PDB file of N, CA and C in Angstrom:
ATOM      1  N   UNK A   1      11.851 -42.957 -26.966  1.00  0.00           N
ATOM      2  CA  UNK A   1      12.447 -42.135 -25.932  1.00  0.00           C
ATOM      3  C   UNK A   1      11.985 -40.696 -26.113  1.00  0.00           C
ATOM      4  N   UNK A   2      11.759 -40.019 -25.011  1.00  0.00           N
ATOM      5  CA  UNK A   2      11.325 -38.620 -25.035  1.00  0.00           C
ATOM      6  C   UNK A   2      12.528 -37.704 -24.863  1.00  0.00           C
ATOM      7  N   UNK A   3      12.751 -36.827 -25.813  1.00  0.00           N
ATOM      8  CA  UNK A   3      13.801 -35.820 -25.683  1.00  0.00           C
ATOM      9  C   UNK A   3      13.149 -34.499 -25.308  1.00  0.00           C
ATOM     10  N   UNK A   4      13.843 -33.742 -24.485  1.00  0.00           N
ATOM     11  CA  UNK A   4      13.325 -32.457 -24.022  1.00  0.00           C
ATOM     12  C   UNK A   4      11.958 -32.633 -23.357  1.00  0.00           C
ATOM     13  N   UNK A   5      11.854 -33.672 -22.531  1.00  0.00           N
ATOM     14  CA  UNK A   5      10.576 -33.977 -21.892  1.00  0.00           C
ATOM     15  C   UNK A   5      10.196 -32.905 -20.886  1.00  0.00           C
ATOM     16  N   UNK A   6       8.942 -32.566 -20.915  1.00  0.00           N
ATOM     17  CA  UNK A   6       8.418 -31.752 -19.839  1.00  0.00           C
ATOM     18  C   UNK A   6       7.809 -32.709 -18.821  1.00  0.00           C
ATOM     19  N   UNK A   7       7.258 -32.170 -17.759  1.00  0.00           N
ATOM     20  CA  UNK A   7       6.723 -32.997 -16.688  1.00  0.00           C
ATOM     21  C   UNK A   7       5.613 -33.923 -17.193  1.00  0.00           C
ATOM     22  N   UNK A   8       4.775 -33.427 -18.089  1.00  0.00           N
ATOM     23  CA  UNK A   8       3.668 -34.226 -18.610  1.00  0.00           C
ATOM     24  C   UNK A   8       4.177 -35.441 -19.379  1.00  0.00           C
ATOM     25  N   UNK A   9       5.220 -35.264 -20.163  1.00  0.00           N
ATOM     26  CA  UNK A   9       5.786 -36.362 -20.940  1.00  0.00           C
ATOM     27  C   UNK A   9       6.368 -37.430 -20.008  1.00  0.00           C
ATOM     28  N   UNK A  10       7.047 -37.004 -18.960  1.00  0.00           N
ATOM     29  CA  UNK A  10       7.620 -37.941 -17.988  1.00  0.00           C
ATOM     30  C   UNK A  10       6.513 -38.726 -17.292  1.00  0.00           C
ATOM     31  N   UNK A  11       5.441 -38.055 -16.921  1.00  0.00           N
ATOM     32  CA  UNK A  11       4.312 -38.731 -16.279  1.00  0.00           C
ATOM     33  C   UNK A  11       3.691 -39.758 -17.216  1.00  0.00           C
ATOM     34  N   UNK A  12       3.568 -39.400 -18.478  1.00  0.00           N
ATOM     35  CA  UNK A  12       2.996 -40.322 -19.458  1.00  0.00           C
ATOM     36  C   UNK A  12       3.881 -41.556 -19.611  1.00  0.00           C
ATOM     37  N   UNK A  13       5.195 -41.356 -19.644  1.00  0.00           N
ATOM     38  CA  UNK A  13       6.129 -42.482 -19.757  1.00  0.00           C
ATOM     39  C   UNK A  13       5.987 -43.416 -18.558  1.00  0.00           C
ATOM     40  N   UNK A  14       5.910 -42.837 -17.357  1.00  0.00           N
ATOM     41  CA  UNK A  14       5.763 -43.664 -16.153  1.00  0.00           C
ATOM     42  C   UNK A  14       4.437 -44.415 -16.162  1.00  0.00           C
ATOM     43  N   UNK A  15       3.397 -43.782 -16.689  1.00  0.00           N
ATOM     44  CA  UNK A  15       2.099 -44.448 -16.795  1.00  0.00           C
ATOM     45  C   UNK A  15       2.154 -45.663 -17.704  1.00  0.00           C
ATOM     46  N   UNK A  16       2.840 -45.509 -18.854  1.00  0.00           N
ATOM     47  CA  UNK A  16       2.991 -46.645 -19.771  1.00  0.00           C
ATOM     48  C   UNK A  16       3.810 -47.755 -19.126  1.00  0.00           C
ATOM     49  N   UNK A  17       4.840 -47.395 -18.352  1.00  0.00           N
ATOM     50  CA  UNK A  17       5.656 -48.408 -17.665  1.00  0.00           C
ATOM     51  C   UNK A  17       4.828 -49.153 -16.626  1.00  0.00           C
ATOM     52  N   UNK A  18       3.984 -48.417 -15.893  1.00  0.00           N
ATOM     53  CA  UNK A  18       3.126 -49.059 -14.898  1.00  0.00           C
ATOM     54  C   UNK A  18       2.139 -50.002 -15.578  1.00  0.00           C
ATOM     55  N   UNK A  19       1.542 -49.564 -16.668  1.00  0.00           N
ATOM     56  CA  UNK A  19       0.601 -50.409 -17.400  1.00  0.00           C
ATOM     57  C   UNK A  19       1.286 -51.692 -17.881  1.00  0.00           C
ATOM     58  N   UNK A  20       2.505 -51.569 -18.359  1.00  0.00           N
ATOM     59  CA  UNK A  20       3.260 -52.737 -18.815  1.00  0.00           C
ATOM     60  C   UNK A  20       3.547 -53.687 -17.651  1.00  0.00           C
ATOM     61  N   UNK A  21       3.944 -53.141 -16.503  1.00  0.00           N
ATOM     62  CA  UNK A  21       4.225 -53.957 -15.321  1.00  0.00           C
ATOM     63  C   UNK A  21       2.973 -54.686 -14.842  1.00  0.00           C
ATOM     64  N   UNK A  22       1.842 -53.994 -14.826  1.00  0.00           N
ATOM     65  CA  UNK A  22       0.581 -54.615 -14.414  1.00  0.00           C
ATOM     66  C   UNK A  22       0.268 -55.802 -15.323  1.00  0.00           C
ATOM     67  N   UNK A  23       0.475 -55.645 -16.622  1.00  0.00           N
ATOM     68  CA  UNK A  23       0.253 -56.745 -17.561  1.00  0.00           C
ATOM     69  C   UNK A  23       1.218 -57.894 -17.352  1.00  0.00           C
ATOM     70  N   UNK A  24       2.502 -57.575 -17.151  1.00  0.00           N
ATOM     71  CA  UNK A  24       3.520 -58.614 -16.960  1.00  0.00           C
ATOM     72  C   UNK A  24       3.263 -59.430 -15.701  1.00  0.00           C
ATOM     73  N   UNK A  25       2.799 -58.778 -14.635  1.00  0.00           N
ATOM     74  CA  UNK A  25       2.554 -59.465 -13.365  1.00  0.00           C
ATOM     75  C   UNK A  25       1.147 -60.049 -13.282  1.00  0.00           C
ATOM     76  N   UNK A  26       0.370 -59.904 -14.358  1.00  0.00           N
ATOM     77  CA  UNK A  26      -0.995 -60.428 -14.430  1.00  0.00           C
ATOM     78  C   UNK A  26      -1.861 -59.902 -13.285  1.00  0.00           C
ATOM     79  N   UNK A  27      -1.784 -58.593 -13.063  1.00  0.00           N
ATOM     80  CA  UNK A  27      -2.587 -57.935 -12.037  1.00  0.00           C
ATOM     81  C   UNK A  27      -3.827 -57.323 -12.676  1.00  0.00           C
ATOM     82  N   UNK A  28      -4.807 -57.012 -11.850  1.00  0.00           N
ATOM     83  CA  UNK A  28      -6.033 -56.364 -12.317  1.00  0.00           C
ATOM     84  C   UNK A  28      -6.183 -55.028 -11.604  1.00  0.00           C
ATOM     85  N   UNK A  29      -6.657 -54.030 -12.317  1.00  0.00           N
ATOM     86  CA  UNK A  29      -6.887 -52.698 -11.756  1.00  0.00           C
ATOM     87  C   UNK A  29      -8.331 -52.617 -11.278  1.00  0.00           C
ATOM     88  N   UNK A  30      -8.525 -52.181 -10.022  1.00  0.00           N
ATOM     89  CA  UNK A  30      -9.871 -52.047  -9.473  1.00  0.00           C
ATOM     90  C   UNK A  30     -10.461 -50.657  -9.673  1.00  0.00           C
ATOM     91  N   UNK A  31      -9.647 -49.684 -10.062  1.00  0.00           N
ATOM     92  CA  UNK A  31     -10.137 -48.307 -10.216  1.00  0.00           C
ATOM     93  C   UNK A  31     -11.393 -48.265 -11.079  1.00  0.00           C
ATOM     94  N   UNK A  32     -12.311 -47.396 -10.690  1.00  0.00           N
ATOM     95  CA  UNK A  32     -13.548 -47.172 -11.431  1.00  0.00           C
ATOM     96  C   UNK A  32     -13.662 -45.688 -11.768  1.00  0.00           C
ATOM     97  N   UNK A  33     -14.438 -45.324 -12.770  1.00  0.00           N
ATOM     98  CA  UNK A  33     -14.632 -43.901 -13.073  1.00  0.00           C
ATOM     99  C   UNK A  33     -15.216 -43.165 -11.869  1.00  0.00           C
ATOM    100  N   UNK A  34     -14.760 -41.947 -11.660  1.00  0.00           N
ATOM    101  CA  UNK A  34     -15.194 -41.162 -10.505  1.00  0.00           C
ATOM    102  C   UNK A  34     -15.186 -39.677 -10.854  1.00  0.00           C
ATOM    103  N   UNK A  35     -16.079 -38.930 -10.238  1.00  0.00           N
ATOM    104  CA  UNK A  35     -16.075 -37.475 -10.393  1.00  0.00           C
ATOM    105  C   UNK A  35     -14.948 -36.841  -9.586  1.00  0.00           C
ATOM    106  N   UNK A  36     -14.437 -37.573  -8.594  1.00  0.00           N
ATOM    107  CA  UNK A  36     -13.346 -37.082  -7.750  1.00  0.00           C
ATOM    108  C   UNK A  36     -12.024 -37.639  -8.257  1.00  0.00           C
ATOM    109  N   UNK A  37     -10.955 -36.917  -8.004  1.00  0.00           N
ATOM    110  CA  UNK A  37      -9.625 -37.346  -8.414  1.00  0.00           C
ATOM    111  C   UNK A  37      -8.904 -37.998  -7.244  1.00  0.00           C
ATOM    112  N   UNK A  38      -7.999 -38.933  -7.534  1.00  0.00           N
ATOM    113  CA  UNK A  38      -7.253 -39.591  -6.461  1.00  0.00           C
ATOM    114  C   UNK A  38      -6.206 -38.666  -5.860  1.00  0.00           C
ATOM    115  N   UNK A  39      -5.815 -37.631  -6.576  1.00  0.00           N
ATOM    116  CA  UNK A  39      -4.854 -36.642  -6.081  1.00  0.00           C
ATOM    117  C   UNK A  39      -5.457 -35.264  -6.300  1.00  0.00           C
ATOM    118  N   UNK A  40      -5.401 -34.426  -5.271  1.00  0.00           N
ATOM    119  CA  UNK A  40      -5.952 -33.081  -5.383  1.00  0.00           C
ATOM    120  C   UNK A  40      -4.962 -32.099  -4.772  1.00  0.00           C
ATOM    121  N   UNK A  41      -4.017 -31.644  -5.598  1.00  0.00           N
ATOM    122  CA  UNK A  41      -2.992 -30.709  -5.143  1.00  0.00           C
ATOM    123  C   UNK A  41      -3.243 -29.317  -5.666  1.00  0.00           C
ATOM    124  N   UNK A  42      -2.426 -28.360  -5.239  1.00  0.00           N
ATOM    125  CA  UNK A  42      -2.625 -26.973  -5.659  1.00  0.00           C
ATOM    126  C   UNK A  42      -2.363 -26.746  -7.151  1.00  0.00           C
ATOM    127  N   UNK A  43      -1.562 -27.597  -7.777  1.00  0.00           N
ATOM    128  CA  UNK A  43      -1.211 -27.403  -9.185  1.00  0.00           C
ATOM    129  C   UNK A  43      -2.027 -28.275 -10.147  1.00  0.00           C
ATOM    130  N   UNK A  44      -2.582 -29.375  -9.644  1.00  0.00           N
ATOM    131  CA  UNK A  44      -3.287 -30.292 -10.549  1.00  0.00           C
ATOM    132  C   UNK A  44      -4.173 -31.251  -9.767  1.00  0.00           C
ATOM    133  N   UNK A  45      -5.080 -31.893 -10.488  1.00  0.00           N
ATOM    134  CA  UNK A  45      -5.946 -32.924  -9.919  1.00  0.00           C
ATOM    135  C   UNK A  45      -5.978 -34.128 -10.864  1.00  0.00           C
ATOM    136  N   UNK A  46      -4.911 -34.905 -10.901  1.00  0.00           N
ATOM    137  CA  UNK A  46      -4.905 -36.090 -11.767  1.00  0.00           C
ATOM    138  C   UNK A  46      -5.340 -37.348 -11.010  1.00  0.00           C
ATOM    139  N   UNK A  47      -5.632 -38.389 -11.750  1.00  0.00           N
ATOM    140  CA  UNK A  47      -5.868 -39.710 -11.167  1.00  0.00           C
ATOM    141  C   UNK A  47      -4.557 -40.477 -11.242  1.00  0.00           C
ATOM    142  N   UNK A  48      -3.749 -40.381 -10.180  1.00  0.00           N
ATOM    143  CA  UNK A  48      -2.428 -41.008 -10.210  1.00  0.00           C
ATOM    144  C   UNK A  48      -2.319 -42.230  -9.315  1.00  0.00           C
ATOM    145  N   UNK A  49      -3.319 -42.482  -8.481  1.00  0.00           N
ATOM    146  CA  UNK A  49      -3.270 -43.633  -7.585  1.00  0.00           C
ATOM    147  C   UNK A  49      -4.026 -44.792  -8.221  1.00  0.00           C
ATOM    148  N   UNK A  50      -3.404 -45.963  -8.194  1.00  0.00           N
ATOM    149  CA  UNK A  50      -3.967 -47.136  -8.850  1.00  0.00           C
ATOM    150  C   UNK A  50      -4.094 -48.256  -7.826  1.00  0.00           C
ATOM    151  N   UNK A  51      -5.267 -48.874  -7.764  1.00  0.00           N
ATOM    152  CA  UNK A  51      -5.506 -50.005  -6.871  1.00  0.00           C
ATOM    153  C   UNK A  51      -5.426 -51.275  -7.704  1.00  0.00           C
ATOM    154  N   UNK A  52      -4.444 -52.129  -7.401  1.00  0.00           N
ATOM    155  CA  UNK A  52      -4.275 -53.370  -8.161  1.00  0.00           C
ATOM    156  C   UNK A  52      -4.370 -54.573  -7.230  1.00  0.00           C
ATOM    157  N   UNK A  53      -4.862 -55.679  -7.771  1.00  0.00           N
ATOM    158  CA  UNK A  53      -4.943 -56.937  -7.033  1.00  0.00           C
ATOM    159  C   UNK A  53      -4.443 -58.051  -7.942  1.00  0.00           C
ATOM    160  N   UNK A  54      -4.065 -59.162  -7.322  1.00  0.00           N
ATOM    161  CA  UNK A  54      -3.624 -60.304  -8.127  1.00  0.00           C
ATOM    162  C   UNK A  54      -4.799 -61.236  -8.417  1.00  0.00           C
ATOM    163  N   UNK A  55      -4.561 -62.219  -9.258  1.00  0.00           N
ATOM    164  CA  UNK A  55      -5.615 -63.146  -9.647  1.00  0.00           C
ATOM    165  C   UNK A  55      -6.179 -63.937  -8.483  1.00  0.00           C
ATOM    166  N   UNK A  56      -5.348 -64.245  -7.489  1.00  0.00           N
ATOM    167  CA  UNK A  56      -5.822 -64.972  -6.314  1.00  0.00           C
ATOM    168  C   UNK A  56      -6.894 -64.205  -5.563  1.00  0.00           C
ATOM    169  N   UNK A  57      -6.710 -62.900  -5.475  1.00  0.00           N
ATOM    170  CA  UNK A  57      -7.708 -62.062  -4.806  1.00  0.00           C
ATOM    171  C   UNK A  57      -9.016 -62.098  -5.587  1.00  0.00           C
ATOM    172  N   UNK A  58      -8.920 -61.974  -6.914  1.00  0.00           N
ATOM    173  CA  UNK A  58     -10.124 -61.979  -7.747  1.00  0.00           C
ATOM    174  C   UNK A  58     -10.837 -63.325  -7.721  1.00  0.00           C
ATOM    175  N   UNK A  59     -10.094 -64.405  -7.496  1.00  0.00           N
ATOM    176  CA  UNK A  59     -10.718 -65.721  -7.395  1.00  0.00           C
ATOM    177  C   UNK A  59     -11.515 -65.848  -6.107  1.00  0.00           C
ATOM    178  N   UNK A  60     -11.139 -65.097  -5.071  1.00  0.00           N
ATOM    179  CA  UNK A  60     -11.803 -65.185  -3.771  1.00  0.00           C
ATOM    180  C   UNK A  60     -12.914 -64.168  -3.565  1.00  0.00           C
ATOM    181  N   UNK A  61     -12.752 -62.970  -4.100  1.00  0.00           N
ATOM    182  CA  UNK A  61     -13.656 -61.885  -3.725  1.00  0.00           C
ATOM    183  C   UNK A  61     -14.301 -61.194  -4.916  1.00  0.00           C
ATOM    184  N   UNK A  62     -15.459 -60.604  -4.670  1.00  0.00           N
ATOM    185  CA  UNK A  62     -16.148 -59.722  -5.604  1.00  0.00           C
ATOM    186  C   UNK A  62     -16.040 -58.319  -5.023  1.00  0.00           C
ATOM    187  N   UNK A  63     -15.569 -57.385  -5.808  1.00  0.00           N
ATOM    188  CA  UNK A  63     -15.435 -56.007  -5.336  1.00  0.00           C
ATOM    189  C   UNK A  63     -16.513 -55.158  -5.996  1.00  0.00           C
ATOM    190  N   UNK A  64     -17.531 -54.802  -5.232  1.00  0.00           N
ATOM    191  CA  UNK A  64     -18.632 -54.001  -5.761  1.00  0.00           C
ATOM    192  C   UNK A  64     -18.333 -52.511  -5.757  1.00  0.00           C
ATOM    193  N   UNK A  65     -17.455 -52.082  -4.877  1.00  0.00           N
ATOM    194  CA  UNK A  65     -17.266 -50.643  -4.696  1.00  0.00           C
ATOM    195  C   UNK A  65     -15.797 -50.263  -4.718  1.00  0.00           C
ATOM    196  N   UNK A  66     -15.470 -49.275  -5.498  1.00  0.00           N
ATOM    197  CA  UNK A  66     -14.171 -48.598  -5.485  1.00  0.00           C
ATOM    198  C   UNK A  66     -14.506 -47.118  -5.535  1.00  0.00           C
ATOM    199  N   UNK A  67     -14.211 -46.392  -4.454  1.00  0.00           N
ATOM    200  CA  UNK A  67     -14.605 -44.987  -4.372  1.00  0.00           C
ATOM    201  C   UNK A  67     -13.467 -44.116  -3.873  1.00  0.00           C
ATOM    202  N   UNK A  68     -13.384 -42.919  -4.410  1.00  0.00           N
ATOM    203  CA  UNK A  68     -12.469 -41.900  -3.907  1.00  0.00           C
ATOM    204  C   UNK A  68     -13.218 -41.129  -2.831  1.00  0.00           C
ATOM    205  N   UNK A  69     -12.590 -40.975  -1.659  1.00  0.00           N
ATOM    206  CA  UNK A  69     -13.205 -40.284  -0.520  1.00  0.00           C
ATOM    207  C   UNK A  69     -12.388 -39.040  -0.210  1.00  0.00           C
ATOM    208  N   UNK A  70     -12.837 -37.895  -0.671  1.00  0.00           N
ATOM    209  CA  UNK A  70     -12.046 -36.677  -0.516  1.00  0.00           C
ATOM    210  C   UNK A  70     -12.028 -36.139   0.908  1.00  0.00           C
ATOM    211  N   UNK A  71     -12.968 -36.520   1.735  1.00  0.00           N
ATOM    212  CA  UNK A  71     -13.032 -35.964   3.087  1.00  0.00           C
ATOM    213  C   UNK A  71     -12.542 -36.932   4.171  1.00  0.00           C
ATOM    214  N   UNK A  72     -11.886 -38.004   3.792  1.00  0.00           N
ATOM    215  CA  UNK A  72     -11.422 -38.994   4.762  1.00  0.00           C
ATOM    216  C   UNK A  72     -10.003 -38.749   5.264  1.00  0.00           C
ATOM    217  N   UNK A  73      -9.230 -37.927   4.618  1.00  0.00           N
ATOM    218  CA  UNK A  73      -7.828 -37.767   5.005  1.00  0.00           C
ATOM    219  C   UNK A  73      -7.389 -36.325   4.966  1.00  0.00           C
ATOM    220  N   UNK A  74      -6.113 -36.116   5.287  1.00  0.00           N
ATOM    221  CA  UNK A  74      -5.550 -34.765   5.296  1.00  0.00           C
ATOM    222  C   UNK A  74      -4.435 -34.610   4.267  1.00  0.00           C
ATOM    223  N   UNK A  75      -4.178 -35.635   3.487  1.00  0.00           N
ATOM    224  CA  UNK A  75      -3.140 -35.598   2.461  1.00  0.00           C
ATOM    225  C   UNK A  75      -3.706 -35.023   1.168  1.00  0.00           C
ATOM    226  N   UNK A  76      -2.814 -34.667   0.248  1.00  0.00           N
ATOM    227  CA  UNK A  76      -3.279 -34.261  -1.074  1.00  0.00           C
ATOM    228  C   UNK A  76      -3.669 -35.478  -1.921  1.00  0.00           C
ATOM    229  N   UNK A  77      -3.353 -36.674  -1.428  1.00  0.00           N
ATOM    230  CA  UNK A  77      -3.855 -37.909  -2.036  1.00  0.00           C
ATOM    231  C   UNK A  77      -5.157 -38.256  -1.320  1.00  0.00           C
ATOM    232  N   UNK A  78      -6.246 -38.338  -2.059  1.00  0.00           N
ATOM    233  CA  UNK A  78      -7.522 -38.703  -1.453  1.00  0.00           C
ATOM    234  C   UNK A  78      -7.526 -40.189  -1.117  1.00  0.00           C
ATOM    235  N   UNK A  79      -8.245 -40.538  -0.068  1.00  0.00           N
ATOM    236  CA  UNK A  79      -8.366 -41.939   0.322  1.00  0.00           C
ATOM    237  C   UNK A  79      -9.211 -42.686  -0.701  1.00  0.00           C
ATOM    238  N   UNK A  80      -8.938 -43.969  -0.814  1.00  0.00           N
ATOM    239  CA  UNK A  80      -9.692 -44.844  -1.708  1.00  0.00           C
ATOM    240  C   UNK A  80     -10.331 -45.926  -0.848  1.00  0.00           C
ATOM    241  N   UNK A  81     -11.616 -46.129  -1.038  1.00  0.00           N
ATOM    242  CA  UNK A  81     -12.350 -47.148  -0.296  1.00  0.00           C
ATOM    243  C   UNK A  81     -12.756 -48.254  -1.260  1.00  0.00           C
ATOM    244  N   UNK A  82     -12.427 -49.495  -0.896  1.00  0.00           N
ATOM    245  CA  UNK A  82     -12.905 -50.635  -1.679  1.00  0.00           C
ATOM    246  C   UNK A  82     -13.754 -51.497  -0.760  1.00  0.00           C
ATOM    247  N   UNK A  83     -14.737 -52.165  -1.334  1.00  0.00           N
ATOM    248  CA  UNK A  83     -15.619 -53.010  -0.545  1.00  0.00           C
ATOM    249  C   UNK A  83     -15.711 -54.385  -1.191  1.00  0.00           C
ATOM    250  N   UNK A  84     -14.862 -55.320  -0.734  1.00  0.00           N
ATOM    251  CA  UNK A  84     -14.995 -56.697  -1.235  1.00  0.00           C
ATOM    252  C   UNK A  84     -16.213 -57.322  -0.575  1.00  0.00           C
ATOM    253  N   UNK A  85     -17.334 -57.347  -1.287  1.00  0.00           N
ATOM    254  CA  UNK A  85     -18.617 -57.657  -0.665  1.00  0.00           C
ATOM    255  C   UNK A  85     -18.905 -59.139  -0.490  1.00  0.00           C
ATOM    256  N   UNK A  86     -18.348 -59.999  -1.312  1.00  0.00           N
ATOM    257  CA  UNK A  86     -18.671 -61.420  -1.220  1.00  0.00           C
ATOM    258  C   UNK A  86     -17.395 -62.241  -1.286  1.00  0.00           C
ATOM    259  N   UNK A  87     -17.259 -63.150  -0.337  1.00  0.00           N
ATOM    260  CA  UNK A  87     -16.181 -64.130  -0.416  1.00  0.00           C
ATOM    261  C   UNK A  87     -16.707 -65.270  -1.279  1.00  0.00           C
ATOM    262  N   UNK A  88     -16.059 -65.531  -2.415  1.00  0.00           N
ATOM    263  CA  UNK A  88     -16.522 -66.571  -3.335  1.00  0.00           C
ATOM    264  C   UNK A  88     -16.342 -67.973  -2.756  1.00  0.00           C
ATOM    265  N   UNK A  89     -15.476 -68.117  -1.747  1.00  0.00           N
ATOM    266  CA  UNK A  89     -15.216 -69.433  -1.165  1.00  0.00           C
ATOM    267  C   UNK A  89     -16.380 -69.880  -0.297  1.00  0.00           C
ATOM    268  N   UNK A  90     -16.845 -69.001   0.603  1.00  0.00           N
ATOM    269  CA  UNK A  90     -17.928 -69.389   1.509  1.00  0.00           C
ATOM    270  C   UNK A  90     -19.260 -68.787   1.093  1.00  0.00           C
ATOM    271  N   UNK A  91     -19.258 -67.906   0.088  1.00  0.00           N
ATOM    272  CA  UNK A  91     -20.499 -67.305  -0.380  1.00  0.00           C
ATOM    273  C   UNK A  91     -21.059 -66.260   0.553  1.00  0.00           C
ATOM    274  N   UNK A  92     -20.262 -65.798   1.484  1.00  0.00           N
ATOM    275  CA  UNK A  92     -20.735 -64.765   2.405  1.00  0.00           C
ATOM    276  C   UNK A  92     -21.431 -65.340   3.617  1.00  0.00           C
ATOM    277  N   UNK A  93     -20.952 -66.470   4.122  1.00  0.00           N
ATOM    278  CA  UNK A  93     -21.559 -67.069   5.310  1.00  0.00           C
ATOM    279  C   UNK A  93     -21.418 -66.128   6.498  1.00  0.00           C
ATOM    280  N   UNK A  94     -22.123 -66.423   7.580  1.00  0.00           N
ATOM    281  CA  UNK A  94     -22.061 -65.555   8.762  1.00  0.00           C
ATOM    282  C   UNK A  94     -20.635 -65.490   9.308  1.00  0.00           C
ATOM    283  N   UNK A  95     -19.892 -66.582   9.208  1.00  0.00           N
ATOM    284  CA  UNK A  95     -18.498 -66.572   9.660  1.00  0.00           C
ATOM    285  C   UNK A  95     -17.692 -65.549   8.867  1.00  0.00           C
ATOM    286  N   UNK A  96     -17.890 -65.558   7.560  1.00  0.00           N
ATOM    287  CA  UNK A  96     -17.145 -64.642   6.703  1.00  0.00           C
ATOM    288  C   UNK A  96     -17.532 -63.198   6.998  1.00  0.00           C
ATOM    289  N   UNK A  97     -18.830 -62.908   7.139  1.00  0.00           N
ATOM    290  CA  UNK A  97     -19.261 -61.536   7.423  1.00  0.00           C
ATOM    291  C   UNK A  97     -18.693 -61.061   8.752  1.00  0.00           C
ATOM    292  N   UNK A  98     -18.639 -61.956   9.729  1.00  0.00           N
ATOM    293  CA  UNK A  98     -18.082 -61.588  11.033  1.00  0.00           C
ATOM    294  C   UNK A  98     -16.611 -61.220  10.879  1.00  0.00           C
ATOM    295  N   UNK A  99     -15.865 -62.003  10.122  1.00  0.00           N
ATOM    296  CA  UNK A  99     -14.453 -61.705   9.911  1.00  0.00           C
ATOM    297  C   UNK A  99     -14.291 -60.412   9.119  1.00  0.00           C
ATOM    298  N   UNK A 100     -15.198 -60.156   8.160  1.00  0.00           N
ATOM    299  CA  UNK A 100     -15.085 -58.978   7.318  1.00  0.00           C
ATOM    300  C   UNK A 100     -15.158 -57.696   8.140  1.00  0.00           C
ATOM    301  N   UNK A 101     -15.949 -57.700   9.204  1.00  0.00           N
ATOM    302  CA  UNK A 101     -16.044 -56.504  10.043  1.00  0.00           C
ATOM    303  C   UNK A 101     -14.698 -56.149  10.643  1.00  0.00           C
ATOM    304  N   UNK A 102     -13.824 -57.122  10.810  1.00  0.00           N
ATOM    305  CA  UNK A 102     -12.522 -56.874  11.404  1.00  0.00           C
ATOM    306  C   UNK A 102     -11.411 -56.607  10.408  1.00  0.00           C
ATOM    307  N   UNK A 103     -11.739 -56.546   9.103  1.00  0.00           N
ATOM    308  CA  UNK A 103     -10.695 -56.356   8.100  1.00  0.00           C
ATOM    309  C   UNK A 103      -9.915 -55.083   8.321  1.00  0.00           C
ATOM    310  N   UNK A 104     -10.560 -54.053   8.828  1.00  0.00           N
ATOM    311  CA  UNK A 104      -9.841 -52.798   9.040  1.00  0.00           C
ATOM    312  C   UNK A 104      -8.754 -52.961  10.093  1.00  0.00           C
ATOM    313  N   UNK A 105      -8.834 -54.029  10.896  1.00  0.00           N
ATOM    314  CA  UNK A 105      -7.817 -54.299  11.905  1.00  0.00           C
ATOM    315  C   UNK A 105      -6.845 -55.370  11.429  1.00  0.00           C
ATOM    316  N   UNK A 106      -6.828 -55.638  10.133  1.00  0.00           N
ATOM    317  CA  UNK A 106      -5.880 -56.594   9.581  1.00  0.00           C
ATOM    318  C   UNK A 106      -6.387 -58.020   9.531  1.00  0.00           C
ATOM    319  N   UNK A 107      -7.647 -58.260   9.887  1.00  0.00           N
ATOM    320  CA  UNK A 107      -8.191 -59.612   9.833  1.00  0.00           C
ATOM    321  C   UNK A 107      -8.731 -59.867   8.435  1.00  0.00           C
ATOM    322  N   UNK A 108      -8.919 -61.121   8.087  1.00  0.00           N
ATOM    323  CA  UNK A 108      -9.488 -61.449   6.782  1.00  0.00           C
ATOM    324  C   UNK A 108     -10.279 -62.737   6.885  1.00  0.00           C
ATOM    325  N   UNK A 109     -11.098 -62.980   5.891  1.00  0.00           N
ATOM    326  CA  UNK A 109     -11.886 -64.208   5.842  1.00  0.00           C
ATOM    327  C   UNK A 109     -10.921 -65.390   5.807  1.00  0.00           C
ATOM    328  N   UNK A 110     -11.170 -66.392   6.631  1.00  0.00           N
ATOM    329  CA  UNK A 110     -10.272 -67.549   6.692  1.00  0.00           C
ATOM    330  C   UNK A 110     -10.943 -68.798   6.138  1.00  0.00           C
ATOM    331  N   UNK A 111     -11.896 -68.616   5.242  1.00  0.00           N
ATOM    332  CA  UNK A 111     -12.606 -69.762   4.649  1.00  0.00           C
ATOM    333  C   UNK A 111     -11.659 -70.629   3.849  1.00  0.00           C
TER     334      UNK A 111
END
């Protein structure tokens, strides 16, 4: 337990709790090293946003790209772009690629 915690200590505690939860739920983190931070506020620029997926997602898709996009939004949280490039079920057939173009509208590969 942290006594007389400052903000940094509280953030560290929450980070350890999140890491423990990710392990307990058997999730995987997609974050990759980046020169940009996921949060860019007036007081700090930490990497506080975490992209997690479950094992079912990893069984279906290969994620080649995880990128922070600082010019995509107006929030102090930068946007994160992921690119699941291959559906492992169909191997990236034309049907799957066609569906992938619509993912931004909530569609997904139905292989």
